[in-house]
């Protein structure tokens, strides 16, 4: 299923862009920005080019959509890293080091 962008404006012209849970697992069509505001000069959604760094082992990578839930901004495609939670597999013996 597709997450539809309705008359998508340039995302840099909007504030309050956030991760949209409704877009999870759906595809988003690259398309021109809306004609009344931008004359279709931009391809949206934009790609978020900020550096993504993990300080822990990585268990997966993905993409999320950041925009507004009504689809009136082109939004951003955001790369994400999923880190491995070591506490699920590493057991610490609390008796070590006790006198």
PDB file of N, CA and C in Angstrom:
ATOM      1  N   UNK A   1       0.825  -1.197   0.000  1.00  0.00           N
ATOM      2  CA  UNK A   1       0.000   0.000   0.000  1.00  0.00           C
ATOM      3  C   UNK A   1       0.868   1.259   0.000  1.00  0.00           C
ATOM      4  N   UNK A   2       0.315   2.304  -0.537  1.00  0.00           N
ATOM      5  CA  UNK A   2       1.036   3.573  -0.679  1.00  0.00           C
ATOM      6  C   UNK A   2       0.610   4.565   0.394  1.00  0.00           C
ATOM      7  N   UNK A   3       1.573   5.321   0.925  1.00  0.00           N
ATOM      8  CA  UNK A   3       1.275   6.477   1.768  1.00  0.00           C
ATOM      9  C   UNK A   3       1.196   7.664   0.819  1.00  0.00           C
ATOM     10  N   UNK A   4       0.003   8.203   0.629  1.00  0.00           N
ATOM     11  CA  UNK A   4      -0.235   9.224  -0.392  1.00  0.00           C
ATOM     12  C   UNK A   4       0.089  10.613   0.153  1.00  0.00           C
ATOM     13  N   UNK A   5       0.840  11.373  -0.641  1.00  0.00           N
ATOM     14  CA  UNK A   5       1.132  12.768  -0.318  1.00  0.00           C
ATOM     15  C   UNK A   5       0.154  13.629  -1.107  1.00  0.00           C
ATOM     16  N   UNK A   6      -0.691  14.394  -0.419  1.00  0.00           N
ATOM     17  CA  UNK A   6      -1.709  15.228  -1.057  1.00  0.00           C
ATOM     18  C   UNK A   6      -1.168  16.638  -1.267  1.00  0.00           C
ATOM     19  N   UNK A   7      -1.017  17.068  -2.498  1.00  0.00           N
ATOM     20  CA  UNK A   7      -0.494  18.404  -2.821  1.00  0.00           C
ATOM     21  C   UNK A   7       0.763  18.698  -2.004  1.00  0.00           C
ATOM     22  N   UNK A   8       1.796  17.877  -2.140  1.00  0.00           N
ATOM     23  CA  UNK A   8       2.961  17.997  -1.259  1.00  0.00           C
ATOM     24  C   UNK A   8       3.786  19.252  -1.513  1.00  0.00           C
ATOM     25  N   UNK A   9       3.931  20.053  -0.473  1.00  0.00           N
ATOM     26  CA  UNK A   9       4.787  21.230  -0.551  1.00  0.00           C
ATOM     27  C   UNK A   9       6.231  20.874  -0.244  1.00  0.00           C
ATOM     28  N   UNK A  10       7.115  21.856  -0.415  1.00  0.00           N
ATOM     29  CA  UNK A  10       8.527  21.636  -0.086  1.00  0.00           C
ATOM     30  C   UNK A  10       8.645  21.464   1.422  1.00  0.00           C
ATOM     31  N   UNK A  11       9.245  20.382   1.884  1.00  0.00           N
ATOM     32  CA  UNK A  11       9.286  20.117   3.323  1.00  0.00           C
ATOM     33  C   UNK A  11      10.085  21.141   4.120  1.00  0.00           C
ATOM     34  N   UNK A  12      11.030  21.833   3.483  1.00  0.00           N
ATOM     35  CA  UNK A  12      11.809  22.834   4.221  1.00  0.00           C
ATOM     36  C   UNK A  12      10.991  24.087   4.506  1.00  0.00           C
ATOM     37  N   UNK A  13       9.800  24.201   3.905  1.00  0.00           N
ATOM     38  CA  UNK A  13       8.923  25.340   4.164  1.00  0.00           C
ATOM     39  C   UNK A  13       7.979  25.083   5.335  1.00  0.00           C
ATOM     40  N   UNK A  14       8.035  23.896   5.929  1.00  0.00           N
ATOM     41  CA  UNK A  14       7.130  23.519   7.013  1.00  0.00           C
ATOM     42  C   UNK A  14       7.916  23.297   8.292  1.00  0.00           C
ATOM     43  N   UNK A  15       7.287  23.601   9.412  1.00  0.00           N
ATOM     44  CA  UNK A  15       7.872  23.262  10.710  1.00  0.00           C
ATOM     45  C   UNK A  15       7.040  22.126  11.301  1.00  0.00           C
ATOM     46  N   UNK A  16       7.590  21.447  12.226  1.00  0.00           N
ATOM     47  CA  UNK A  16       6.842  20.376  12.878  1.00  0.00           C
ATOM     48  C   UNK A  16       6.865  19.056  12.136  1.00  0.00           C
ATOM     49  N   UNK A  17       7.814  18.877  11.195  1.00  0.00           N
ATOM     50  CA  UNK A  17       7.944  17.569  10.548  1.00  0.00           C
ATOM     51  C   UNK A  17       8.373  16.553  11.603  1.00  0.00           C
ATOM     52  N   UNK A  18       7.703  15.405  11.639  1.00  0.00           N
ATOM     53  CA  UNK A  18       8.039  14.358  12.603  1.00  0.00           C
ATOM     54  C   UNK A  18       7.847  12.996  11.947  1.00  0.00           C
ATOM     55  N   UNK A  19       8.357  11.949  12.591  1.00  0.00           N
ATOM     56  CA  UNK A  19       8.189  10.594  12.080  1.00  0.00           C
ATOM     57  C   UNK A  19       6.693  10.283  12.060  1.00  0.00           C
ATOM     58  N   UNK A  20       6.210   9.784  10.920  1.00  0.00           N
ATOM     59  CA  UNK A  20       4.788   9.487  10.750  1.00  0.00           C
ATOM     60  C   UNK A  20       4.585   7.972  10.833  1.00  0.00           C
ATOM     61  N   UNK A  21       4.002   7.480  11.933  1.00  0.00           N
ATOM     62  CA  UNK A  21       3.807   6.030  12.077  1.00  0.00           C
ATOM     63  C   UNK A  21       2.897   5.440  10.997  1.00  0.00           C
ATOM     64  N   UNK A  22       1.951   6.233  10.484  1.00  0.00           N
ATOM     65  CA  UNK A  22       1.021   5.735   9.462  1.00  0.00           C
ATOM     66  C   UNK A  22       1.738   5.336   8.178  1.00  0.00           C
ATOM     67  N   UNK A  23       2.947   5.859   7.956  1.00  0.00           N
ATOM     68  CA  UNK A  23       3.699   5.555   6.734  1.00  0.00           C
ATOM     69  C   UNK A  23       4.521   4.277   6.864  1.00  0.00           C
ATOM     70  N   UNK A  24       4.614   3.716   8.065  1.00  0.00           N
ATOM     71  CA  UNK A  24       5.437   2.521   8.299  1.00  0.00           C
ATOM     72  C   UNK A  24       4.933   1.349   7.455  1.00  0.00           C
ATOM     73  N   UNK A  25       5.846   0.732   6.737  1.00  0.00           N
ATOM     74  CA  UNK A  25       5.504  -0.427   5.924  1.00  0.00           C
ATOM     75  C   UNK A  25       4.843  -0.094   4.600  1.00  0.00           C
ATOM     76  N   UNK A  26       4.705   1.193   4.293  1.00  0.00           N
ATOM     77  CA  UNK A  26       4.093   1.606   3.031  1.00  0.00           C
ATOM     78  C   UNK A  26       5.157   2.221   2.136  1.00  0.00           C
ATOM     79  N   UNK A  27       4.869   2.315   0.860  1.00  0.00           N
ATOM     80  CA  UNK A  27       5.814   2.953  -0.045  1.00  0.00           C
ATOM     81  C   UNK A  27       5.335   4.362  -0.341  1.00  0.00           C
ATOM     82  N   UNK A  28       6.302   5.217  -0.672  1.00  0.00           N
ATOM     83  CA  UNK A  28       6.014   6.626  -0.954  1.00  0.00           C
ATOM     84  C   UNK A  28       6.552   6.948  -2.334  1.00  0.00           C
ATOM     85  N   UNK A  29       5.706   7.504  -3.148  1.00  0.00           N
ATOM     86  CA  UNK A  29       6.057   7.831  -4.531  1.00  0.00           C
ATOM     87  C   UNK A  29       6.874   9.131  -4.584  1.00  0.00           C
ATOM     88  N   UNK A  30       8.024   9.085  -5.290  1.00  0.00           N
ATOM     89  CA  UNK A  30       8.759  10.321  -5.570  1.00  0.00           C
ATOM     90  C   UNK A  30       7.959  11.073  -6.625  1.00  0.00           C
ATOM     91  N   UNK A  31       7.689  12.337  -6.370  1.00  0.00           N
ATOM     92  CA  UNK A  31       6.814  13.108  -7.253  1.00  0.00           C
ATOM     93  C   UNK A  31       7.176  14.580  -7.206  1.00  0.00           C
ATOM     94  N   UNK A  32       6.649  15.376  -8.148  1.00  0.00           N
ATOM     95  CA  UNK A  32       6.914  16.815  -8.091  1.00  0.00           C
ATOM     96  C   UNK A  32       6.172  17.453  -6.921  1.00  0.00           C
ATOM     97  N   UNK A  33       6.727  18.532  -6.390  1.00  0.00           N
ATOM     98  CA  UNK A  33       6.024  19.295  -5.362  1.00  0.00           C
ATOM     99  C   UNK A  33       4.771  19.902  -5.985  1.00  0.00           C
ATOM    100  N   UNK A  34       3.884  20.423  -5.131  1.00  0.00           N
ATOM    101  CA  UNK A  34       2.607  20.901  -5.668  1.00  0.00           C
ATOM    102  C   UNK A  34       2.786  22.125  -6.562  1.00  0.00           C
ATOM    103  N   UNK A  35       1.939  22.224  -7.548  1.00  0.00           N
ATOM    104  CA  UNK A  35       2.062  23.289  -8.546  1.00  0.00           C
ATOM    105  C   UNK A  35       1.655  24.667  -8.024  1.00  0.00           C
ATOM    106  N   UNK A  36       0.590  24.823  -7.223  1.00  0.00           N
ATOM    107  CA  UNK A  36       0.226  26.166  -6.756  1.00  0.00           C
ATOM    108  C   UNK A  36       1.312  26.852  -5.922  1.00  0.00           C
ATOM    109  N   UNK A  37       2.030  26.090  -5.095  1.00  0.00           N
ATOM    110  CA  UNK A  37       3.042  26.688  -4.223  1.00  0.00           C
ATOM    111  C   UNK A  37       4.424  26.759  -4.852  1.00  0.00           C
ATOM    112  N   UNK A  38       4.779  25.752  -5.670  1.00  0.00           N
ATOM    113  CA  UNK A  38       6.173  25.606  -6.088  1.00  0.00           C
ATOM    114  C   UNK A  38       6.329  25.366  -7.586  1.00  0.00           C
ATOM    115  N   UNK A  39       5.231  25.325  -8.303  1.00  0.00           N
ATOM    116  CA  UNK A  39       5.235  25.053  -9.747  1.00  0.00           C
ATOM    117  C   UNK A  39       5.900  23.720 -10.073  1.00  0.00           C
ATOM    118  N   UNK A  40       5.880  22.795  -9.118  1.00  0.00           N
ATOM    119  CA  UNK A  40       6.434  21.464  -9.348  1.00  0.00           C
ATOM    120  C   UNK A  40       7.934  21.436  -9.565  1.00  0.00           C
ATOM    121  N   UNK A  41       8.654  22.420  -9.012  1.00  0.00           N
ATOM    122  CA  UNK A  41      10.096  22.528  -9.252  1.00  0.00           C
ATOM    123  C   UNK A  41      10.941  21.558  -8.432  1.00  0.00           C
ATOM    124  N   UNK A  42      10.382  20.999  -7.369  1.00  0.00           N
ATOM    125  CA  UNK A  42      11.155  20.128  -6.481  1.00  0.00           C
ATOM    126  C   UNK A  42      10.621  18.703  -6.552  1.00  0.00           C
ATOM    127  N   UNK A  43      11.513  17.740  -6.396  1.00  0.00           N
ATOM    128  CA  UNK A  43      11.091  16.349  -6.269  1.00  0.00           C
ATOM    129  C   UNK A  43      10.995  16.040  -4.787  1.00  0.00           C
ATOM    130  N   UNK A  44       9.837  15.556  -4.365  1.00  0.00           N
ATOM    131  CA  UNK A  44       9.601  15.254  -2.956  1.00  0.00           C
ATOM    132  C   UNK A  44       9.218  13.788  -2.819  1.00  0.00           C
ATOM    133  N   UNK A  45       9.454  13.168  -1.672  1.00  0.00           N
ATOM    134  CA  UNK A  45      10.086  13.720  -0.491  1.00  0.00           C
ATOM    135  C   UNK A  45      11.582  13.938  -0.683  1.00  0.00           C
ATOM    136  N   UNK A  46      12.115  14.862   0.124  1.00  0.00           N
ATOM    137  CA  UNK A  46      13.548  15.095   0.131  1.00  0.00           C
ATOM    138  C   UNK A  46      14.225  13.950   0.891  1.00  0.00           C
ATOM    139  N   UNK A  47      15.517  13.788   0.694  1.00  0.00           N
ATOM    140  CA  UNK A  47      16.300  12.828   1.465  1.00  0.00           C
ATOM    141  C   UNK A  47      17.022  13.580   2.569  1.00  0.00           C
ATOM    142  N   UNK A  48      16.890  13.113   3.787  1.00  0.00           N
ATOM    143  CA  UNK A  48      17.575  13.708   4.926  1.00  0.00           C
ATOM    144  C   UNK A  48      19.024  13.247   4.880  1.00  0.00           C
ATOM    145  N   UNK A  49      19.955  14.175   4.725  1.00  0.00           N
ATOM    146  CA  UNK A  49      21.363  13.834   4.513  1.00  0.00           C
ATOM    147  C   UNK A  49      22.208  13.957   5.777  1.00  0.00           C
ATOM    148  N   UNK A  50      21.567  14.023   6.937  1.00  0.00           N
ATOM    149  CA  UNK A  50      22.351  14.085   8.171  1.00  0.00           C
ATOM    150  C   UNK A  50      23.069  12.762   8.411  1.00  0.00           C
ATOM    151  N   UNK A  51      24.229  12.858   9.023  1.00  0.00           N
ATOM    152  CA  UNK A  51      25.022  11.669   9.310  1.00  0.00           C
ATOM    153  C   UNK A  51      24.322  10.803  10.360  1.00  0.00           C
ATOM    154  N   UNK A  52      24.305   9.504  10.123  1.00  0.00           N
ATOM    155  CA  UNK A  52      23.722   8.553  11.068  1.00  0.00           C
ATOM    156  C   UNK A  52      24.851   7.683  11.599  1.00  0.00           C
ATOM    157  N   UNK A  53      25.062   7.725  12.920  1.00  0.00           N
ATOM    158  CA  UNK A  53      26.176   7.006  13.538  1.00  0.00           C
ATOM    159  C   UNK A  53      25.643   6.214  14.726  1.00  0.00           C
ATOM    160  N   UNK A  54      26.111   4.989  14.862  1.00  0.00           N
ATOM    161  CA  UNK A  54      25.738   4.163  16.013  1.00  0.00           C
ATOM    162  C   UNK A  54      26.978   3.886  16.854  1.00  0.00           C
ATOM    163  N   UNK A  55      26.823   3.984  18.166  1.00  0.00           N
ATOM    164  CA  UNK A  55      27.931   3.688  19.077  1.00  0.00           C
ATOM    165  C   UNK A  55      27.877   2.245  19.565  1.00  0.00           C
ATOM    166  N   UNK A  56      26.873   1.506  19.125  1.00  0.00           N
ATOM    167  CA  UNK A  56      26.678   0.124  19.533  1.00  0.00           C
ATOM    168  C   UNK A  56      26.566  -0.745  18.290  1.00  0.00           C
ATOM    169  N   UNK A  57      26.659  -2.075  18.434  1.00  0.00           N
ATOM    170  CA  UNK A  57      26.532  -2.955  17.269  1.00  0.00           C
ATOM    171  C   UNK A  57      25.196  -2.738  16.551  1.00  0.00           C
ATOM    172  N   UNK A  58      25.240  -2.781  15.237  1.00  0.00           N
ATOM    173  CA  UNK A  58      24.046  -2.538  14.425  1.00  0.00           C
ATOM    174  C   UNK A  58      23.369  -3.867  14.104  1.00  0.00           C
ATOM    175  N   UNK A  59      22.044  -3.911  14.255  1.00  0.00           N
ATOM    176  CA  UNK A  59      21.297  -5.113  13.894  1.00  0.00           C
ATOM    177  C   UNK A  59      20.432  -4.903  12.663  1.00  0.00           C
ATOM    178  N   UNK A  60      20.326  -3.651  12.200  1.00  0.00           N
ATOM    179  CA  UNK A  60      19.522  -3.412  11.009  1.00  0.00           C
ATOM    180  C   UNK A  60      19.575  -1.970  10.563  1.00  0.00           C
ATOM    181  N   UNK A  61      19.187  -1.757   9.310  1.00  0.00           N
ATOM    182  CA  UNK A  61      19.084  -0.410   8.758  1.00  0.00           C
ATOM    183  C   UNK A  61      17.699  -0.270   8.136  1.00  0.00           C
ATOM    184  N   UNK A  62      17.270   0.951   7.968  1.00  0.00           N
ATOM    185  CA  UNK A  62      15.958   1.162   7.374  1.00  0.00           C
ATOM    186  C   UNK A  62      15.768   2.600   6.961  1.00  0.00           C
ATOM    187  N   UNK A  63      14.563   2.891   6.533  1.00  0.00           N
ATOM    188  CA  UNK A  63      14.165   4.249   6.157  1.00  0.00           C
ATOM    189  C   UNK A  63      12.838   4.545   6.844  1.00  0.00           C
ATOM    190  N   UNK A  64      12.678   5.775   7.289  1.00  0.00           N
ATOM    191  CA  UNK A  64      11.411   6.225   7.849  1.00  0.00           C
ATOM    192  C   UNK A  64      11.009   7.499   7.122  1.00  0.00           C
ATOM    193  N   UNK A  65       9.732   7.838   7.224  1.00  0.00           N
ATOM    194  CA  UNK A  65       9.217   9.053   6.601  1.00  0.00           C
ATOM    195  C   UNK A  65       8.952  10.078   7.688  1.00  0.00           C
ATOM    196  N   UNK A  66       9.478  11.280   7.491  1.00  0.00           N
ATOM    197  CA  UNK A  66       9.262  12.386   8.427  1.00  0.00           C
ATOM    198  C   UNK A  66       8.518  13.474   7.678  1.00  0.00           C
ATOM    199  N   UNK A  67       7.389  13.891   8.193  1.00  0.00           N
ATOM    200  CA  UNK A  67       6.580  14.930   7.550  1.00  0.00           C
ATOM    201  C   UNK A  67       5.438  15.310   8.469  1.00  0.00           C
ATOM    202  N   UNK A  68       4.283  15.635   7.885  1.00  0.00           N
ATOM    203  CA  UNK A  68       3.067  15.888   8.655  1.00  0.00           C
ATOM    204  C   UNK A  68       2.047  14.835   8.261  1.00  0.00           C
ATOM    205  N   UNK A  69       1.192  14.435   9.200  1.00  0.00           N
ATOM    206  CA  UNK A  69       0.327  13.280   8.977  1.00  0.00           C
ATOM    207  C   UNK A  69      -0.722  13.490   7.893  1.00  0.00           C
ATOM    208  N   UNK A  70      -1.070  14.742   7.567  1.00  0.00           N
ATOM    209  CA  UNK A  70      -2.087  14.946   6.523  1.00  0.00           C
ATOM    210  C   UNK A  70      -1.506  14.873   5.115  1.00  0.00           C
ATOM    211  N   UNK A  71      -0.186  14.689   4.998  1.00  0.00           N
ATOM    212  CA  UNK A  71       0.436  14.526   3.684  1.00  0.00           C
ATOM    213  C   UNK A  71       0.576  15.806   2.886  1.00  0.00           C
ATOM    214  N   UNK A  72       0.396  16.980   3.510  1.00  0.00           N
ATOM    215  CA  UNK A  72       0.490  18.250   2.783  1.00  0.00           C
ATOM    216  C   UNK A  72       1.906  18.816   2.732  1.00  0.00           C
ATOM    217  N   UNK A  73       2.873  18.038   3.105  1.00  0.00           N
ATOM    218  CA  UNK A  73       4.266  18.401   2.878  1.00  0.00           C
ATOM    219  C   UNK A  73       4.931  17.203   2.221  1.00  0.00           C
ATOM    220  N   UNK A  74       5.919  17.470   1.396  1.00  0.00           N
ATOM    221  CA  UNK A  74       6.612  16.362   0.747  1.00  0.00           C
ATOM    222  C   UNK A  74       7.380  15.508   1.725  1.00  0.00           C
ATOM    223  N   UNK A  75       7.780  16.098   2.851  1.00  0.00           N
ATOM    224  CA  UNK A  75       8.470  15.353   3.891  1.00  0.00           C
ATOM    225  C   UNK A  75       9.886  14.951   3.523  1.00  0.00           C
ATOM    226  N   UNK A  76      10.446  14.109   4.362  1.00  0.00           N
ATOM    227  CA  UNK A  76      11.820  13.634   4.209  1.00  0.00           C
ATOM    228  C   UNK A  76      11.856  12.119   4.345  1.00  0.00           C
ATOM    229  N   UNK A  77      12.691  11.470   3.564  1.00  0.00           N
ATOM    230  CA  UNK A  77      13.027  10.070   3.796  1.00  0.00           C
ATOM    231  C   UNK A  77      14.266  10.071   4.671  1.00  0.00           C
ATOM    232  N   UNK A  78      14.190   9.409   5.805  1.00  0.00           N
ATOM    233  CA  UNK A  78      15.217   9.481   6.835  1.00  0.00           C
ATOM    234  C   UNK A  78      15.864   8.107   7.023  1.00  0.00           C
ATOM    235  N   UNK A  79      17.190   7.991   6.824  1.00  0.00           N
ATOM    236  CA  UNK A  79      17.842   6.709   7.102  1.00  0.00           C
ATOM    237  C   UNK A  79      17.891   6.458   8.608  1.00  0.00           C
ATOM    238  N   UNK A  80      17.703   5.211   8.997  1.00  0.00           N
ATOM    239  CA  UNK A  80      17.729   4.857  10.412  1.00  0.00           C
ATOM    240  C   UNK A  80      18.623   3.644  10.632  1.00  0.00           C
ATOM    241  N   UNK A  81      19.162   3.545  11.820  1.00  0.00           N
ATOM    242  CA  UNK A  81      19.940   2.383  12.246  1.00  0.00           C
ATOM    243  C   UNK A  81      19.246   1.769  13.445  1.00  0.00           C
ATOM    244  N   UNK A  82      19.156   0.473  13.460  1.00  0.00           N
ATOM    245  CA  UNK A  82      18.624  -0.248  14.617  1.00  0.00           C
ATOM    246  C   UNK A  82      19.820  -0.862  15.330  1.00  0.00           C
ATOM    247  N   UNK A  83      19.949  -0.576  16.611  1.00  0.00           N
ATOM    248  CA  UNK A  83      21.096  -1.096  17.357  1.00  0.00           C
ATOM    249  C   UNK A  83      20.716  -2.360  18.112  1.00  0.00           C
ATOM    250  N   UNK A  84      21.704  -3.139  18.408  1.00  0.00           N
ATOM    251  CA  UNK A  84      21.542  -4.398  19.113  1.00  0.00           C
ATOM    252  C   UNK A  84      21.567  -4.122  20.604  1.00  0.00           C
ATOM    253  N   UNK A  85      20.568  -4.584  21.318  1.00  0.00           N
ATOM    254  CA  UNK A  85      20.523  -4.372  22.758  1.00  0.00           C
ATOM    255  C   UNK A  85      21.259  -5.516  23.451  1.00  0.00           C
ATOM    256  N   UNK A  86      22.455  -5.229  23.923  1.00  0.00           N
ATOM    257  CA  UNK A  86      23.294  -6.254  24.540  1.00  0.00           C
ATOM    258  C   UNK A  86      22.692  -6.811  25.824  1.00  0.00           C
ATOM    259  N   UNK A  87      21.897  -6.031  26.516  1.00  0.00           N
ATOM    260  CA  UNK A  87      21.346  -6.486  27.793  1.00  0.00           C
ATOM    261  C   UNK A  87      20.421  -7.684  27.625  1.00  0.00           C
ATOM    262  N   UNK A  88      19.911  -7.918  26.405  1.00  0.00           N
ATOM    263  CA  UNK A  88      19.060  -9.083  26.178  1.00  0.00           C
ATOM    264  C   UNK A  88      19.845 -10.389  26.218  1.00  0.00           C
ATOM    265  N   UNK A  89      21.134 -10.347  25.880  1.00  0.00           N
ATOM    266  CA  UNK A  89      21.932 -11.563  25.767  1.00  0.00           C
ATOM    267  C   UNK A  89      23.088 -11.670  26.747  1.00  0.00           C
ATOM    268  N   UNK A  90      23.476 -10.581  27.363  1.00  0.00           N
ATOM    269  CA  UNK A  90      24.624 -10.597  28.268  1.00  0.00           C
ATOM    270  C   UNK A  90      24.106 -10.648  29.700  1.00  0.00           C
ATOM    271  N   UNK A  91      24.508 -11.681  30.412  1.00  0.00           N
ATOM    272  CA  UNK A  91      24.125 -11.826  31.816  1.00  0.00           C
ATOM    273  C   UNK A  91      25.327 -11.476  32.677  1.00  0.00           C
ATOM    274  N   UNK A  92      25.116 -10.621  33.630  1.00  0.00           N
ATOM    275  CA  UNK A  92      26.195 -10.194  34.514  1.00  0.00           C
ATOM    276  C   UNK A  92      26.021 -10.890  35.856  1.00  0.00           C
ATOM    277  N   UNK A  93      27.086 -11.529  36.301  1.00  0.00           N
ATOM    278  CA  UNK A  93      27.073 -12.201  37.597  1.00  0.00           C
ATOM    279  C   UNK A  93      27.322 -11.139  38.664  1.00  0.00           C
ATOM    280  N   UNK A  94      26.289 -10.814  39.412  1.00  0.00           N
ATOM    281  CA  UNK A  94      26.405  -9.743  40.399  1.00  0.00           C
ATOM    282  C   UNK A  94      27.271 -10.130  41.593  1.00  0.00           C
ATOM    283  N   UNK A  95      27.590 -11.432  41.738  1.00  0.00           N
ATOM    284  CA  UNK A  95      28.420 -11.855  42.876  1.00  0.00           C
ATOM    285  C   UNK A  95      29.905 -11.618  42.622  1.00  0.00           C
ATOM    286  N   UNK A  96      30.290 -11.360  41.388  1.00  0.00           N
ATOM    287  CA  UNK A  96      31.699 -11.119  41.075  1.00  0.00           C
ATOM    288  C   UNK A  96      32.125  -9.798  41.704  1.00  0.00           C
ATOM    289  N   UNK A  97      33.237  -9.837  42.377  1.00  0.00           N
ATOM    290  CA  UNK A  97      33.773  -8.622  42.966  1.00  0.00           C
ATOM    291  C   UNK A  97      33.244  -8.335  44.357  1.00  0.00           C
ATOM    292  N   UNK A  98      32.333  -9.169  44.864  1.00  0.00           N
ATOM    293  CA  UNK A  98      31.828  -8.958  46.217  1.00  0.00           C
ATOM    294  C   UNK A  98      32.688  -9.733  47.210  1.00  0.00           C
ATOM    295  N   UNK A  99      32.872  -9.200  48.402  1.00  0.00           N
ATOM    296  CA  UNK A  99      33.697  -9.845  49.432  1.00  0.00           C
ATOM    297  C   UNK A  99      32.830 -10.501  50.461  1.00  0.00           C
TER     298      UNK A  99
END
